[in-house]
């Protein structure tokens, strides 16, 4: 096989032109942490070309104001974790969630856009972003469109991103209270066996369970039990029990489906105690 051709656009417009011209034979790449793992293990074949996005300054913006945090697709996990403005503007729970990912070497390279575009089920940030009601901005030569994160991720490594689109920005509304809890079943740097994000926003309570199935899961009818009122101990126990019973879960090397449901029940109760 011939070596893939590397393209290094310096502007978003140039990257979009390449995306259209090369089609599905070209793979956009940002930090490369997950794509590199897939290629090295043979889970995917090398494409005919790579579109390296790291040189596009337009995708590196990070700003908070008006109750919204805007993260360019190339902002790294480490930047979100450590940026003082992110925490000062009320997004400390999001910073903490990004800070749980793998290790500092991975977080220094892995990007906000990449973790969503990969749609890997065993990732931490998607559940937190879903709980916060975050949305992504997708760009193509046809213009921009906006999708909620829970509409973006469709299944295992499958998203709603069209072949001529690039994910360019993530927009996160500020919550009143939020937390992300992660359970690792193997090591301190392991990917999650289960992760639970809970947020109280103007729309009420939202609890999202990640890493237990092909996409983050929320049970709106269970969250509605909170009704905007006090999260009493009995109510917290009931919501946690219903999540433990109601989620879909898979079996893999980090735990069985039954084990994941038990872990989820515990994590949901603890998350609700924290936001209460």
Protein backbone atom coordinates (compact mmCIF):
# COMPACT_ATOMS: atom_id res chain seq x y z
CA UNK A 1 0.00 0.00 0.00
CA UNK A 2 1.15 3.53 -0.71
CA UNK A 3 1.64 5.93 2.17
CA UNK A 4 -1.27 8.32 2.86
CA UNK A 5 -0.90 11.84 1.51
CA UNK A 6 -0.84 14.52 4.22
CA UNK A 7 -2.59 17.85 3.63
CA UNK A 8 -1.92 20.76 6.00
CA UNK A 9 -4.53 23.50 5.48
CA UNK A 10 -3.93 26.78 7.30
CA UNK A 11 -7.50 28.07 7.12
CA UNK A 12 -10.93 26.56 7.71
CA UNK A 13 -11.99 27.45 4.16
CA UNK A 14 -9.04 25.51 2.76
CA UNK A 15 -9.82 22.52 4.98
CA UNK A 16 -13.44 22.48 3.83
CA UNK A 17 -12.37 22.61 0.19
CA UNK A 18 -10.10 19.62 0.78
CA UNK A 19 -12.89 17.81 2.64
CA UNK A 20 -15.18 18.18 -0.36
CA UNK A 21 -12.56 17.45 -3.00
CA UNK A 22 -11.13 14.32 -1.37
CA UNK A 23 -14.37 12.92 0.00
CA UNK A 24 -14.43 9.92 2.32
CA UNK A 25 -10.99 8.81 1.17
CA UNK A 26 -9.49 11.54 3.38
CA UNK A 27 -9.57 11.49 7.19
CA UNK A 28 -9.53 14.76 9.17
CA UNK A 29 -7.17 14.53 12.13
CA UNK A 30 -6.62 16.89 15.07
CA UNK A 31 -4.80 15.60 18.18
CA UNK A 32 -4.67 12.10 16.70
CA UNK A 33 -4.75 10.29 20.05
CA UNK A 34 -7.66 8.01 19.19
CA UNK A 35 -7.12 7.72 15.44
CA UNK A 36 -3.54 6.71 16.16
CA UNK A 37 -4.72 3.93 18.46
CA UNK A 38 -7.20 2.63 15.88
CA UNK A 39 -4.58 2.62 13.12
CA UNK A 40 -1.85 1.02 15.23
CA UNK A 41 -4.12 -1.83 16.33
CA UNK A 42 -5.46 -2.42 12.83
CA UNK A 43 -9.05 -1.64 13.76
CA UNK A 44 -9.21 0.74 10.81
CA UNK A 45 -7.22 0.89 7.59
CA UNK A 46 -5.07 3.87 6.74
CA UNK A 47 -6.96 6.29 4.47
CA UNK A 48 -5.67 7.58 1.17
CA UNK A 49 -5.08 10.98 2.73
CA UNK A 50 -5.10 12.85 6.03
CA UNK A 51 -6.32 16.41 6.49
CA UNK A 52 -4.27 17.72 9.41
CA UNK A 53 -6.25 20.45 11.18
CA UNK A 54 -3.72 21.54 13.80
CA UNK A 55 -2.53 24.57 11.83
CA UNK A 56 -5.95 26.23 11.66
CA UNK A 57 -5.95 29.09 14.16
CA UNK A 58 -9.70 29.65 13.66
CA UNK A 59 -10.38 26.38 15.51
CA UNK A 60 -8.39 27.27 18.64
CA UNK A 61 -10.69 29.85 20.24
CA UNK A 62 -11.73 29.56 23.88
CA UNK A 63 -14.04 32.18 25.35
CA UNK A 64 -16.67 32.49 28.07
CA UNK A 65 -19.27 35.21 28.35
CA UNK A 66 -22.99 35.71 28.62
CA UNK A 67 -23.37 32.36 30.34
CA UNK A 68 -21.92 30.39 27.40
CA UNK A 69 -18.53 28.75 27.00
CA UNK A 70 -17.34 28.52 23.37
CA UNK A 71 -14.64 25.95 22.66
CA UNK A 72 -12.95 25.69 19.29
CA UNK A 73 -12.58 22.17 17.95
CA UNK A 74 -8.79 22.23 18.46
CA UNK A 75 -8.92 23.29 22.11
CA UNK A 76 -7.25 20.50 24.06
CA UNK A 77 -8.55 18.66 27.08
CA UNK A 78 -5.70 20.12 29.09
CA UNK A 79 -6.69 23.68 28.17
CA UNK A 80 -10.26 23.13 29.35
CA UNK A 81 -8.99 21.48 32.52
CA UNK A 82 -6.56 24.27 33.45
CA UNK A 83 -7.97 27.50 32.00
CA UNK A 84 -8.72 29.91 34.83
CA UNK A 85 -11.49 31.60 32.86
CA UNK A 86 -13.35 28.32 32.37
CA UNK A 87 -13.52 27.80 36.12
CA UNK A 88 -14.16 31.46 36.96
CA UNK A 89 -17.16 31.58 34.63
CA UNK A 90 -18.93 28.67 36.32
CA UNK A 91 -17.71 25.70 34.29
CA UNK A 92 -15.54 24.03 36.93
CA UNK A 93 -17.47 20.75 36.63
CA UNK A 94 -16.70 20.61 32.92
CA UNK A 95 -13.03 21.35 33.59
CA UNK A 96 -12.96 18.56 36.17
CA UNK A 97 -14.56 16.13 33.71
CA UNK A 98 -11.91 16.82 31.08
CA UNK A 99 -9.30 16.45 33.81
CA UNK A 100 -10.34 12.83 34.45
CA UNK A 101 -9.41 11.69 30.94
CA UNK A 102 -6.51 9.21 30.73
CA UNK A 103 -3.30 11.02 31.66
CA UNK A 104 -1.66 14.38 31.14
CA UNK A 105 0.12 13.24 27.95
CA UNK A 106 -3.17 12.33 26.31
CA UNK A 107 -4.97 15.42 27.60
CA UNK A 108 -2.26 17.68 26.18
CA UNK A 109 -2.97 16.39 22.65
CA UNK A 110 -6.59 15.23 22.64
CA UNK A 111 -9.05 17.86 21.40
CA UNK A 112 -12.62 18.83 22.22
CA UNK A 113 -13.70 18.35 18.61
CA UNK A 114 -11.93 15.04 18.27
CA UNK A 115 -13.50 13.38 21.29
CA UNK A 116 -16.97 14.16 19.89
CA UNK A 117 -16.24 13.40 16.24
CA UNK A 118 -14.75 10.00 17.16
CA UNK A 119 -17.95 8.99 19.01
CA UNK A 120 -16.06 6.47 21.09
CA UNK A 121 -18.44 5.12 23.72
CA UNK A 122 -15.77 4.84 26.45
CA UNK A 123 -15.03 8.57 26.67
CA UNK A 124 -15.66 10.94 29.55
CA UNK A 125 -16.47 14.38 28.04
CA UNK A 126 -19.54 13.43 25.91
CA UNK A 127 -21.69 12.53 28.94
CA UNK A 128 -20.80 15.79 30.70
CA UNK A 129 -21.43 17.85 27.58
CA UNK A 130 -24.79 16.14 27.08
CA UNK A 131 -25.80 16.84 30.67
CA UNK A 132 -24.93 20.52 30.25
CA UNK A 133 -27.03 20.80 27.07
CA UNK A 134 -24.00 21.56 24.89
CA UNK A 135 -24.27 21.95 21.14
CA UNK A 136 -21.77 21.62 18.28
CA UNK A 137 -21.39 23.85 15.26
CA UNK A 138 -20.72 22.00 12.00
CA UNK A 139 -19.34 23.84 8.97
CA UNK A 140 -19.40 22.97 5.28
CA UNK A 141 -19.32 24.94 2.02
CA UNK A 142 -23.11 25.10 2.41
CA UNK A 143 -22.78 27.06 5.66
CA UNK A 144 -23.08 26.20 9.34
CA UNK A 145 -25.57 24.12 11.27
CA UNK A 146 -26.00 23.53 14.97
CA UNK A 147 -26.72 20.21 16.67
CA UNK A 148 -27.13 19.22 20.30
CA UNK A 149 -24.40 16.82 21.42
CA UNK A 150 -26.98 14.13 22.11
CA UNK A 151 -28.15 14.50 18.50
CA UNK A 152 -24.60 14.38 17.16
CA UNK A 153 -23.62 10.97 18.53
CA UNK A 154 -25.66 8.23 16.86
CA UNK A 155 -23.88 5.06 17.97
CA UNK A 156 -20.53 3.29 18.06
CA UNK A 157 -18.12 5.59 16.16
CA UNK A 158 -21.10 7.03 14.26
CA UNK A 159 -22.12 10.68 14.19
CA UNK A 160 -24.46 12.97 12.28
CA UNK A 161 -21.48 14.77 10.68
CA UNK A 162 -21.97 14.83 6.90
CA UNK A 163 -19.10 13.88 4.53
CA UNK A 164 -18.51 17.54 3.60
CA UNK A 165 -18.67 18.88 7.18
CA UNK A 166 -16.15 19.59 9.92
CA UNK A 167 -16.93 20.09 13.59
CA UNK A 168 -15.64 23.59 14.32
CA UNK A 169 -16.98 24.65 17.72
CA UNK A 170 -18.71 23.45 20.89
CA UNK A 171 -21.02 25.79 22.80
CA UNK A 172 -21.82 25.01 26.44
CA UNK A 173 -24.44 26.86 28.53
CA UNK A 174 -23.50 27.52 32.15
CA UNK A 175 -25.28 25.28 34.69
CA UNK A 176 -26.43 26.21 38.16
CA UNK A 177 -24.74 23.11 39.58
CA UNK A 178 -23.08 20.12 37.96
CA UNK A 179 -20.74 17.20 38.62
CA UNK A 180 -19.13 14.33 36.74
CA UNK A 181 -18.30 11.04 38.48
CA UNK A 182 -16.21 8.35 36.82
CA UNK A 183 -15.70 4.73 37.83
CA UNK A 184 -12.59 2.91 36.60
CA UNK A 185 -12.56 -0.84 36.97
CA UNK A 186 -8.90 -1.50 36.11
CA UNK A 187 -6.39 1.33 36.67
CA UNK A 188 -6.12 5.01 37.53
CA UNK A 189 -5.57 5.87 33.85
CA UNK A 190 -8.26 3.57 32.51
CA UNK A 191 -11.16 4.61 30.40
CA UNK A 192 -14.46 4.59 32.29
CA UNK A 193 -16.44 1.50 33.10
CA UNK A 194 -19.23 4.00 33.73
CA UNK A 195 -19.46 7.77 34.01
CA UNK A 196 -22.36 9.83 35.34
CA UNK A 197 -22.90 13.53 34.75
CA UNK A 198 -25.61 15.41 36.63
CA UNK A 199 -26.53 19.03 36.04
CA UNK A 200 -29.15 21.41 37.36
CA UNK A 201 -29.95 24.08 34.78
CA UNK A 202 -32.83 26.40 33.96
CA UNK A 203 -34.49 23.42 32.33
CA UNK A 204 -34.31 21.33 35.49
CA UNK A 205 -32.36 18.22 36.38
CA UNK A 206 -30.48 16.27 33.72
CA UNK A 207 -28.58 13.05 34.44
CA UNK A 208 -26.54 11.41 31.69
CA UNK A 209 -24.80 8.04 31.86
CA UNK A 210 -21.80 7.49 29.61
CA UNK A 211 -19.46 4.62 28.71
CA UNK A 212 -22.03 1.90 29.37
CA UNK A 213 -23.50 1.63 25.86
CA UNK A 214 -22.96 2.91 22.34
CA UNK A 215 -23.94 6.48 23.20
CA UNK A 216 -24.63 8.61 26.31
CA UNK A 217 -28.03 7.89 27.85
CA UNK A 218 -30.52 10.14 29.58
CA UNK A 219 -33.90 9.14 30.99
CA UNK A 220 -35.99 12.33 30.77
CA UNK A 221 -39.04 10.82 32.46
CA UNK A 222 -36.91 9.86 35.46
CA UNK A 223 -35.22 13.27 35.66
CA UNK A 224 -38.69 14.84 35.56
CA UNK A 225 -39.41 13.29 38.96
CA UNK A 226 -37.30 16.08 40.45
CA UNK A 227 -39.85 18.59 39.20
CA UNK A 228 -37.64 21.56 39.99
CA UNK A 229 -38.03 20.95 43.71
CA UNK A 230 -35.78 19.68 46.47
CA UNK A 231 -33.76 16.55 45.79
CA UNK A 232 -34.61 14.73 48.99
CA UNK A 233 -32.82 11.55 50.02
CA UNK A 234 -35.81 9.40 49.07
CA UNK A 235 -36.09 11.06 45.68
CA UNK A 236 -32.38 10.65 45.04
CA UNK A 237 -32.62 6.95 45.85
CA UNK A 238 -35.64 6.52 43.55
CA UNK A 239 -33.99 8.28 40.60
CA UNK A 240 -30.79 6.27 41.11
CA UNK A 241 -32.71 2.99 41.27
CA UNK A 242 -34.63 3.80 38.10
CA UNK A 243 -31.43 4.67 36.26
CA UNK A 244 -29.86 1.41 37.40
CA UNK A 245 -32.84 -0.49 36.05
CA UNK A 246 -33.56 1.61 32.96
CA UNK A 247 -30.28 2.09 31.12
CA UNK A 248 -29.05 -0.12 28.31
CA UNK A 249 -25.63 -1.57 29.07
CA UNK A 250 -23.05 -3.68 27.28
CA UNK A 251 -20.52 -6.31 28.30
CA UNK A 252 -16.83 -5.66 27.70
CA UNK A 253 -13.48 -6.05 29.44
CA UNK A 254 -14.32 -3.26 31.91
CA UNK A 255 -17.44 -4.95 33.23
CA UNK A 256 -20.60 -6.87 32.45
CA UNK A 257 -23.92 -5.20 31.70
CA UNK A 258 -25.25 -6.21 35.13
CA UNK A 259 -22.16 -4.80 36.85
CA UNK A 260 -22.49 -1.54 34.95
CA UNK A 261 -26.11 -1.15 36.02
CA UNK A 262 -25.12 -1.61 39.68
CA UNK A 263 -22.29 0.91 39.32
CA UNK A 264 -24.62 3.35 37.57
CA UNK A 265 -27.11 3.21 40.43
CA UNK A 266 -24.37 4.09 42.95
CA UNK A 267 -22.86 6.85 40.81
CA UNK A 268 -26.23 8.47 40.10
CA UNK A 269 -27.07 8.56 43.81
CA UNK A 270 -23.70 10.11 44.64
CA UNK A 271 -24.00 12.66 41.82
CA UNK A 272 -27.47 13.69 43.00
CA UNK A 273 -26.18 14.09 46.56
CA UNK A 274 -23.51 16.44 45.21
CA UNK A 275 -25.83 18.66 43.16
CA UNK A 276 -28.51 18.67 45.88
